[in-house]
N, C-alpha and C. Protein backbone atom coordinates (compact mmCIF):
# COMPACT_ATOMS: atom_id res chain seq x y z
N MET A 1 -13.04 -4.09 13.75
CA MET A 1 -12.30 -3.27 12.83
C MET A 1 -13.10 -2.00 12.59
N SER A 2 -12.43 -0.88 12.65
CA SER A 2 -13.13 0.37 12.39
C SER A 2 -12.93 0.75 10.93
N GLY A 3 -13.80 1.59 10.44
CA GLY A 3 -13.69 1.97 9.05
C GLY A 3 -14.47 3.23 8.78
N PRO A 4 -14.60 3.58 7.54
CA PRO A 4 -15.30 4.81 7.18
C PRO A 4 -16.80 4.63 7.32
N ASP A 5 -17.52 5.74 7.15
CA ASP A 5 -18.97 5.66 7.05
C ASP A 5 -19.28 4.77 5.86
N PRO A 6 -20.48 4.16 5.82
CA PRO A 6 -20.80 3.24 4.73
C PRO A 6 -20.57 3.82 3.34
N ALA A 7 -20.72 5.12 3.16
CA ALA A 7 -20.51 5.71 1.84
C ALA A 7 -19.50 6.85 1.96
N PRO A 8 -18.22 6.58 1.74
CA PRO A 8 -17.25 7.67 1.78
C PRO A 8 -17.49 8.63 0.62
N GLY A 9 -16.97 9.82 0.71
CA GLY A 9 -17.16 10.82 -0.33
C GLY A 9 -15.88 11.11 -1.08
N VAL A 10 -16.04 11.59 -2.30
CA VAL A 10 -14.89 11.99 -3.10
C VAL A 10 -14.11 13.05 -2.33
N GLY A 11 -12.81 12.87 -2.27
CA GLY A 11 -11.94 13.79 -1.54
C GLY A 11 -11.59 13.33 -0.14
N ASP A 12 -12.33 12.33 0.39
CA ASP A 12 -11.99 11.80 1.71
C ASP A 12 -10.56 11.27 1.69
N VAL A 13 -9.84 11.53 2.77
CA VAL A 13 -8.44 11.11 2.89
C VAL A 13 -8.36 9.95 3.87
N LEU A 14 -7.66 8.88 3.47
CA LEU A 14 -7.44 7.75 4.35
C LEU A 14 -6.36 8.13 5.36
N PRO A 15 -6.45 7.63 6.60
CA PRO A 15 -5.41 7.94 7.57
C PRO A 15 -4.07 7.33 7.13
N TRP A 16 -2.99 8.09 7.30
CA TRP A 16 -1.67 7.62 6.89
C TRP A 16 -1.27 6.36 7.66
N LEU A 17 -0.65 5.43 6.96
CA LEU A 17 -0.03 4.26 7.57
C LEU A 17 1.47 4.53 7.56
N LYS A 18 2.11 4.45 8.74
CA LYS A 18 3.53 4.74 8.83
C LYS A 18 4.30 3.50 9.26
N ARG A 19 5.44 3.27 8.63
CA ARG A 19 6.32 2.15 8.96
C ARG A 19 7.76 2.61 8.87
N VAL A 20 8.64 1.97 9.65
CA VAL A 20 10.08 2.18 9.56
C VAL A 20 10.69 0.82 9.22
N PRO A 21 10.80 0.52 7.92
CA PRO A 21 11.28 -0.80 7.53
C PRO A 21 12.79 -0.91 7.66
N GLY A 22 13.23 -1.75 8.55
CA GLY A 22 14.66 -2.00 8.73
C GLY A 22 14.99 -3.42 8.31
N LEU A 23 16.22 -3.83 8.58
CA LEU A 23 16.67 -5.14 8.16
C LEU A 23 15.81 -6.26 8.75
N ALA A 24 15.33 -6.10 10.00
CA ALA A 24 14.48 -7.13 10.61
C ALA A 24 13.18 -7.31 9.81
N HIS A 25 12.55 -6.19 9.39
CA HIS A 25 11.33 -6.27 8.56
C HIS A 25 11.64 -6.94 7.23
N TRP A 26 12.73 -6.49 6.61
CA TRP A 26 13.09 -7.02 5.30
C TRP A 26 13.38 -8.51 5.39
N ASN A 27 14.06 -8.91 6.46
CA ASN A 27 14.42 -10.32 6.62
C ASN A 27 13.17 -11.19 6.77
N ARG A 28 12.22 -10.74 7.60
CA ARG A 28 10.98 -11.50 7.76
C ARG A 28 10.21 -11.58 6.44
N PHE A 29 10.11 -10.45 5.73
CA PHE A 29 9.41 -10.43 4.46
C PHE A 29 10.10 -11.36 3.46
N ALA A 30 11.44 -11.30 3.41
CA ALA A 30 12.20 -12.16 2.49
C ALA A 30 12.00 -13.63 2.83
N ALA A 31 11.93 -13.95 4.13
CA ALA A 31 11.75 -15.34 4.53
C ALA A 31 10.39 -15.88 4.06
N VAL A 32 9.36 -15.09 4.21
CA VAL A 32 8.02 -15.52 3.81
C VAL A 32 7.88 -15.61 2.30
N ASN A 33 8.58 -14.73 1.58
CA ASN A 33 8.42 -14.64 0.13
C ASN A 33 9.60 -15.21 -0.66
N ASP A 34 10.54 -15.85 0.04
CA ASP A 34 11.73 -16.41 -0.60
C ASP A 34 12.38 -15.37 -1.49
N GLU A 35 12.67 -14.21 -0.91
CA GLU A 35 13.21 -13.08 -1.65
C GLU A 35 14.52 -12.60 -1.03
N PHE A 36 15.44 -13.51 -0.81
CA PHE A 36 16.75 -13.15 -0.26
C PHE A 36 17.68 -12.71 -1.39
N VAL A 37 17.34 -11.62 -2.01
CA VAL A 37 18.12 -11.05 -3.10
C VAL A 37 19.19 -10.14 -2.47
N PRO A 38 20.45 -10.25 -2.89
CA PRO A 38 21.52 -9.49 -2.24
C PRO A 38 21.26 -7.99 -2.12
N ILE A 39 20.67 -7.34 -3.14
CA ILE A 39 20.47 -5.88 -3.02
C ILE A 39 19.49 -5.52 -1.93
N HIS A 40 18.72 -6.49 -1.42
CA HIS A 40 17.79 -6.23 -0.32
C HIS A 40 18.41 -6.51 1.04
N MET A 41 19.54 -7.16 1.08
CA MET A 41 20.13 -7.58 2.35
C MET A 41 21.50 -6.98 2.62
N ASP A 42 22.20 -6.58 1.58
CA ASP A 42 23.60 -6.20 1.72
C ASP A 42 23.84 -4.81 1.12
N ASP A 43 24.37 -3.89 1.94
CA ASP A 43 24.62 -2.53 1.45
C ASP A 43 25.59 -2.51 0.27
N GLU A 44 26.63 -3.32 0.32
CA GLU A 44 27.61 -3.33 -0.77
C GLU A 44 26.96 -3.80 -2.07
N ALA A 45 26.11 -4.80 -2.01
CA ALA A 45 25.40 -5.27 -3.21
C ALA A 45 24.49 -4.17 -3.74
N GLY A 46 23.84 -3.43 -2.85
CA GLY A 46 23.01 -2.31 -3.27
C GLY A 46 23.83 -1.22 -3.94
N ARG A 47 25.02 -0.92 -3.39
CA ARG A 47 25.89 0.10 -4.00
C ARG A 47 26.38 -0.36 -5.38
N ARG A 48 26.72 -1.65 -5.49
CA ARG A 48 27.15 -2.16 -6.81
C ARG A 48 26.02 -2.03 -7.84
N ALA A 49 24.78 -2.07 -7.38
CA ALA A 49 23.63 -1.93 -8.29
C ALA A 49 23.27 -0.46 -8.54
N GLY A 50 24.03 0.46 -7.94
CA GLY A 50 23.80 1.88 -8.19
C GLY A 50 22.97 2.61 -7.16
N TYR A 51 22.66 1.95 -6.06
CA TYR A 51 21.89 2.58 -4.98
C TYR A 51 22.82 2.99 -3.85
N PRO A 52 22.36 3.82 -2.92
CA PRO A 52 23.23 4.22 -1.80
C PRO A 52 23.47 3.11 -0.79
N GLY A 53 22.77 2.02 -0.91
CA GLY A 53 22.90 0.87 -0.01
C GLY A 53 21.82 -0.13 -0.35
N ALA A 54 21.55 -1.04 0.57
CA ALA A 54 20.49 -2.03 0.36
C ALA A 54 19.15 -1.31 0.17
N ILE A 55 18.31 -1.88 -0.68
CA ILE A 55 16.99 -1.28 -0.92
C ILE A 55 15.90 -2.27 -0.53
N GLY A 56 14.76 -1.72 -0.13
CA GLY A 56 13.62 -2.54 0.27
C GLY A 56 12.93 -3.19 -0.91
N MET A 57 12.18 -4.23 -0.61
CA MET A 57 11.45 -4.95 -1.63
C MET A 57 10.23 -4.14 -2.07
N GLY A 58 10.02 -4.09 -3.37
CA GLY A 58 8.84 -3.40 -3.87
C GLY A 58 7.56 -4.04 -3.37
N ARG A 59 7.56 -5.37 -3.27
CA ARG A 59 6.34 -6.04 -2.81
C ARG A 59 6.04 -5.76 -1.34
N LEU A 60 7.04 -5.33 -0.57
CA LEU A 60 6.77 -4.93 0.80
C LEU A 60 5.98 -3.62 0.80
N GLN A 61 6.30 -2.70 -0.11
CA GLN A 61 5.49 -1.49 -0.25
C GLN A 61 4.07 -1.86 -0.64
N TRP A 62 3.94 -2.83 -1.53
CA TRP A 62 2.63 -3.32 -1.96
C TRP A 62 1.86 -3.84 -0.75
N ALA A 63 2.54 -4.58 0.12
CA ALA A 63 1.91 -5.11 1.33
C ALA A 63 1.44 -3.97 2.23
N TYR A 64 2.24 -2.92 2.35
CA TYR A 64 1.84 -1.77 3.17
C TYR A 64 0.56 -1.13 2.61
N VAL A 65 0.46 -1.05 1.29
CA VAL A 65 -0.76 -0.51 0.67
C VAL A 65 -1.97 -1.35 1.07
N HIS A 66 -1.83 -2.66 1.03
CA HIS A 66 -2.94 -3.54 1.42
C HIS A 66 -3.29 -3.37 2.90
N VAL A 67 -2.29 -3.18 3.76
CA VAL A 67 -2.56 -2.94 5.18
C VAL A 67 -3.36 -1.66 5.34
N LEU A 68 -2.97 -0.60 4.63
CA LEU A 68 -3.71 0.67 4.69
C LEU A 68 -5.16 0.45 4.28
N LEU A 69 -5.38 -0.18 3.14
CA LEU A 69 -6.75 -0.37 2.65
C LEU A 69 -7.58 -1.23 3.59
N ARG A 70 -7.02 -2.36 4.04
CA ARG A 70 -7.76 -3.27 4.93
C ARG A 70 -8.08 -2.60 6.26
N SER A 71 -7.20 -1.77 6.78
CA SER A 71 -7.47 -1.11 8.06
C SER A 71 -8.52 -0.01 7.90
N TRP A 72 -8.68 0.52 6.70
CA TRP A 72 -9.66 1.57 6.44
C TRP A 72 -11.03 1.00 6.13
N LEU A 73 -11.07 -0.17 5.52
CA LEU A 73 -12.35 -0.76 5.13
C LEU A 73 -13.14 -1.26 6.34
N PRO A 74 -14.46 -1.16 6.29
CA PRO A 74 -15.28 -1.73 7.36
C PRO A 74 -15.34 -3.25 7.22
N ASP A 75 -15.85 -3.92 8.22
CA ASP A 75 -16.05 -5.37 8.14
C ASP A 75 -16.85 -5.69 6.88
N GLY A 76 -16.44 -6.71 6.17
CA GLY A 76 -17.13 -7.12 4.94
C GLY A 76 -16.64 -6.40 3.70
N GLY A 77 -15.85 -5.33 3.86
CA GLY A 77 -15.31 -4.64 2.70
C GLY A 77 -14.20 -5.47 2.09
N ARG A 78 -13.96 -5.26 0.81
CA ARG A 78 -12.91 -6.04 0.17
C ARG A 78 -12.15 -5.19 -0.85
N VAL A 79 -10.88 -5.53 -0.98
CA VAL A 79 -10.03 -4.91 -1.98
C VAL A 79 -10.25 -5.67 -3.28
N GLU A 80 -10.67 -4.97 -4.34
CA GLU A 80 -10.93 -5.61 -5.62
C GLU A 80 -9.74 -5.53 -6.57
N ARG A 81 -9.01 -4.42 -6.49
CA ARG A 81 -7.90 -4.21 -7.43
C ARG A 81 -6.92 -3.21 -6.83
N VAL A 82 -5.64 -3.45 -7.05
CA VAL A 82 -4.60 -2.48 -6.69
C VAL A 82 -3.62 -2.40 -7.86
N ASP A 83 -3.32 -1.20 -8.28
CA ASP A 83 -2.29 -0.95 -9.29
C ASP A 83 -1.27 -0.03 -8.62
N LEU A 84 0.00 -0.40 -8.72
CA LEU A 84 1.05 0.38 -8.07
C LEU A 84 2.24 0.46 -9.00
N ARG A 85 2.77 1.65 -9.17
CA ARG A 85 3.95 1.87 -10.00
C ARG A 85 5.06 2.37 -9.08
N PHE A 86 6.17 1.64 -9.07
CA PHE A 86 7.30 2.03 -8.23
C PHE A 86 8.09 3.13 -8.92
N VAL A 87 8.41 4.18 -8.14
CA VAL A 87 9.09 5.35 -8.66
C VAL A 87 10.53 5.40 -8.16
N ALA A 88 10.74 5.07 -6.89
CA ALA A 88 12.07 5.12 -6.27
C ALA A 88 12.13 4.04 -5.19
N PRO A 89 13.34 3.57 -4.88
CA PRO A 89 13.46 2.53 -3.86
C PRO A 89 13.34 3.10 -2.45
N ASN A 90 12.87 2.26 -1.54
CA ASN A 90 12.90 2.67 -0.13
C ASN A 90 14.20 2.13 0.46
N LEU A 91 14.81 2.95 1.31
CA LEU A 91 16.10 2.61 1.90
C LEU A 91 15.91 2.15 3.34
N ARG A 92 16.81 1.31 3.78
CA ARG A 92 16.73 0.75 5.13
C ARG A 92 16.70 1.86 6.18
N ASP A 93 15.84 1.66 7.16
CA ASP A 93 15.66 2.54 8.32
C ASP A 93 15.13 3.93 7.97
N ARG A 94 14.68 4.14 6.73
CA ARG A 94 14.03 5.39 6.34
C ARG A 94 12.53 5.19 6.49
N PRO A 95 11.89 5.98 7.32
CA PRO A 95 10.43 5.85 7.49
C PRO A 95 9.70 6.02 6.16
N VAL A 96 8.64 5.24 5.99
CA VAL A 96 7.76 5.38 4.84
C VAL A 96 6.34 5.59 5.36
N ARG A 97 5.55 6.23 4.54
CA ARG A 97 4.14 6.38 4.87
C ARG A 97 3.33 6.14 3.62
N VAL A 98 2.16 5.55 3.83
CA VAL A 98 1.26 5.20 2.74
C VAL A 98 -0.04 5.95 2.96
N GLY A 99 -0.51 6.62 1.93
CA GLY A 99 -1.75 7.37 2.05
C GLY A 99 -2.65 7.15 0.85
N GLY A 100 -3.87 7.61 1.00
CA GLY A 100 -4.84 7.47 -0.08
C GLY A 100 -5.90 8.54 0.00
N ARG A 101 -6.54 8.77 -1.14
CA ARG A 101 -7.63 9.75 -1.24
C ARG A 101 -8.69 9.17 -2.15
N VAL A 102 -9.95 9.28 -1.74
CA VAL A 102 -11.07 8.78 -2.53
C VAL A 102 -11.25 9.68 -3.75
N THR A 103 -11.28 9.05 -4.93
CA THR A 103 -11.43 9.81 -6.18
C THR A 103 -12.78 9.59 -6.85
N ALA A 104 -13.48 8.51 -6.50
CA ALA A 104 -14.79 8.24 -7.09
C ALA A 104 -15.55 7.25 -6.22
N VAL A 105 -16.87 7.41 -6.20
CA VAL A 105 -17.76 6.50 -5.48
C VAL A 105 -18.94 6.22 -6.39
N GLU A 106 -19.24 4.93 -6.57
CA GLU A 106 -20.41 4.58 -7.37
C GLU A 106 -21.16 3.44 -6.69
N GLU A 107 -22.44 3.40 -6.94
CA GLU A 107 -23.26 2.34 -6.37
C GLU A 107 -22.89 1.01 -7.02
N ALA A 108 -22.82 -0.03 -6.19
CA ALA A 108 -22.53 -1.38 -6.70
C ALA A 108 -23.84 -2.15 -6.80
N GLY A 109 -23.84 -3.20 -7.60
CA GLY A 109 -25.03 -4.00 -7.87
C GLY A 109 -25.67 -4.59 -6.63
N ALA A 110 -26.95 -4.86 -6.75
CA ALA A 110 -27.71 -5.43 -5.63
C ALA A 110 -28.27 -6.79 -5.97
N GLY A 111 -27.73 -7.42 -6.98
CA GLY A 111 -28.29 -8.72 -7.36
C GLY A 111 -27.21 -9.63 -7.89
N GLY A 112 -27.58 -10.84 -8.10
CA GLY A 112 -26.63 -11.81 -8.63
C GLY A 112 -25.51 -12.08 -7.65
N VAL A 113 -24.31 -12.18 -8.17
CA VAL A 113 -23.15 -12.50 -7.35
C VAL A 113 -22.67 -11.29 -6.56
N GLU A 114 -22.82 -10.10 -7.13
CA GLU A 114 -22.31 -8.90 -6.48
C GLU A 114 -23.23 -8.44 -5.36
N ARG A 115 -22.62 -8.12 -4.23
CA ARG A 115 -23.40 -7.63 -3.09
C ARG A 115 -23.66 -6.13 -3.25
N ALA A 116 -24.75 -5.68 -2.66
CA ALA A 116 -25.09 -4.26 -2.68
C ALA A 116 -24.07 -3.49 -1.86
N GLY A 117 -23.85 -2.27 -2.26
CA GLY A 117 -22.91 -1.41 -1.55
C GLY A 117 -22.39 -0.35 -2.49
N CYS A 118 -21.14 0.03 -2.29
CA CYS A 118 -20.54 1.00 -3.20
C CYS A 118 -19.14 0.57 -3.57
N ARG A 119 -18.76 0.95 -4.75
CA ARG A 119 -17.41 0.70 -5.25
C ARG A 119 -16.68 2.03 -5.15
N VAL A 120 -15.50 2.00 -4.56
CA VAL A 120 -14.76 3.22 -4.26
C VAL A 120 -13.40 3.17 -4.94
N ALA A 121 -13.06 4.21 -5.67
CA ALA A 121 -11.73 4.35 -6.28
C ALA A 121 -10.87 5.18 -5.34
N VAL A 122 -9.65 4.72 -5.13
CA VAL A 122 -8.73 5.39 -4.22
C VAL A 122 -7.41 5.64 -4.94
N GLU A 123 -6.93 6.87 -4.86
CA GLU A 123 -5.60 7.22 -5.36
C GLU A 123 -4.62 6.94 -4.23
N LEU A 124 -3.49 6.29 -4.53
CA LEU A 124 -2.53 5.86 -3.52
C LEU A 124 -1.17 6.51 -3.72
N VAL A 125 -0.46 6.68 -2.60
CA VAL A 125 0.92 7.17 -2.66
C VAL A 125 1.71 6.52 -1.53
N VAL A 126 2.97 6.18 -1.83
CA VAL A 126 3.93 5.73 -0.83
C VAL A 126 5.06 6.75 -0.87
N GLU A 127 5.38 7.32 0.28
CA GLU A 127 6.41 8.36 0.37
C GLU A 127 7.45 7.99 1.41
N ASP A 128 8.65 8.59 1.27
CA ASP A 128 9.63 8.45 2.34
C ASP A 128 9.45 9.60 3.32
N ASP A 129 10.29 9.65 4.35
CA ASP A 129 10.12 10.66 5.39
C ASP A 129 10.41 12.08 4.92
N ALA A 130 11.04 12.23 3.75
CA ALA A 130 11.28 13.56 3.20
C ALA A 130 10.17 13.98 2.24
N GLY A 131 9.17 13.11 2.05
CA GLY A 131 8.06 13.41 1.16
C GLY A 131 8.30 13.01 -0.28
N ALA A 132 9.43 12.34 -0.56
CA ALA A 132 9.70 11.89 -1.92
C ALA A 132 8.82 10.68 -2.24
N CYS A 133 8.25 10.68 -3.43
CA CYS A 133 7.36 9.59 -3.84
C CYS A 133 8.17 8.34 -4.14
N LEU A 134 7.80 7.23 -3.50
CA LEU A 134 8.41 5.93 -3.77
C LEU A 134 7.55 5.11 -4.71
N ALA A 135 6.22 5.28 -4.61
CA ALA A 135 5.29 4.56 -5.48
C ALA A 135 3.98 5.34 -5.50
N ARG A 136 3.28 5.20 -6.59
CA ARG A 136 1.94 5.79 -6.69
C ARG A 136 1.06 4.83 -7.45
N GLY A 137 -0.23 4.93 -7.20
CA GLY A 137 -1.13 4.02 -7.88
C GLY A 137 -2.57 4.28 -7.53
N SER A 138 -3.36 3.22 -7.68
CA SER A 138 -4.79 3.34 -7.42
C SER A 138 -5.32 2.00 -6.94
N ALA A 139 -6.48 2.07 -6.34
CA ALA A 139 -7.15 0.85 -5.88
C ALA A 139 -8.65 1.02 -6.10
N ARG A 140 -9.30 -0.12 -6.18
CA ARG A 140 -10.77 -0.15 -6.19
C ARG A 140 -11.18 -1.09 -5.06
N VAL A 141 -12.06 -0.60 -4.22
CA VAL A 141 -12.57 -1.40 -3.10
C VAL A 141 -14.08 -1.44 -3.15
N HIS A 142 -14.63 -2.45 -2.49
CA HIS A 142 -16.08 -2.59 -2.40
C HIS A 142 -16.46 -2.47 -0.93
N ILE A 143 -17.41 -1.61 -0.65
CA ILE A 143 -17.91 -1.43 0.70
C ILE A 143 -19.37 -1.86 0.71
N PRO A 144 -19.70 -2.91 1.49
CA PRO A 144 -21.09 -3.40 1.50
C PRO A 144 -21.99 -2.46 2.30
N VAL A 145 -23.30 -2.57 2.04
CA VAL A 145 -24.27 -1.82 2.85
C VAL A 145 -24.76 -2.68 3.97
């Protein structure tokens, strides 16, 4: 697994993660998470709920955030916390992209239970292909030395 230098800097940008979530993605996600909710599977149910059609699962966006973080972290790095606020639904077959930017870096402990390294704060965004924000949030990760 590739990742950043051992100590990323404030302002570093994580490489964008891009996905085109369609019904096949939603169906697999729903099967694993027992989330066969009509507004996620049926356009008419989505329209009755006030959307232009079926909408994607918020937790699938959450999963994309975790994929972004895990692919950016070096071996031994770990995600400690993720906070995500959903702003707008993602629509079927509309590309989404997930990005992040480092907002803080601090040295992590070198004793006891905590391993030496750095704790990194990351600002997160999930956008659709038009650049509209679907979710925003933050994460804290630990990068070992």
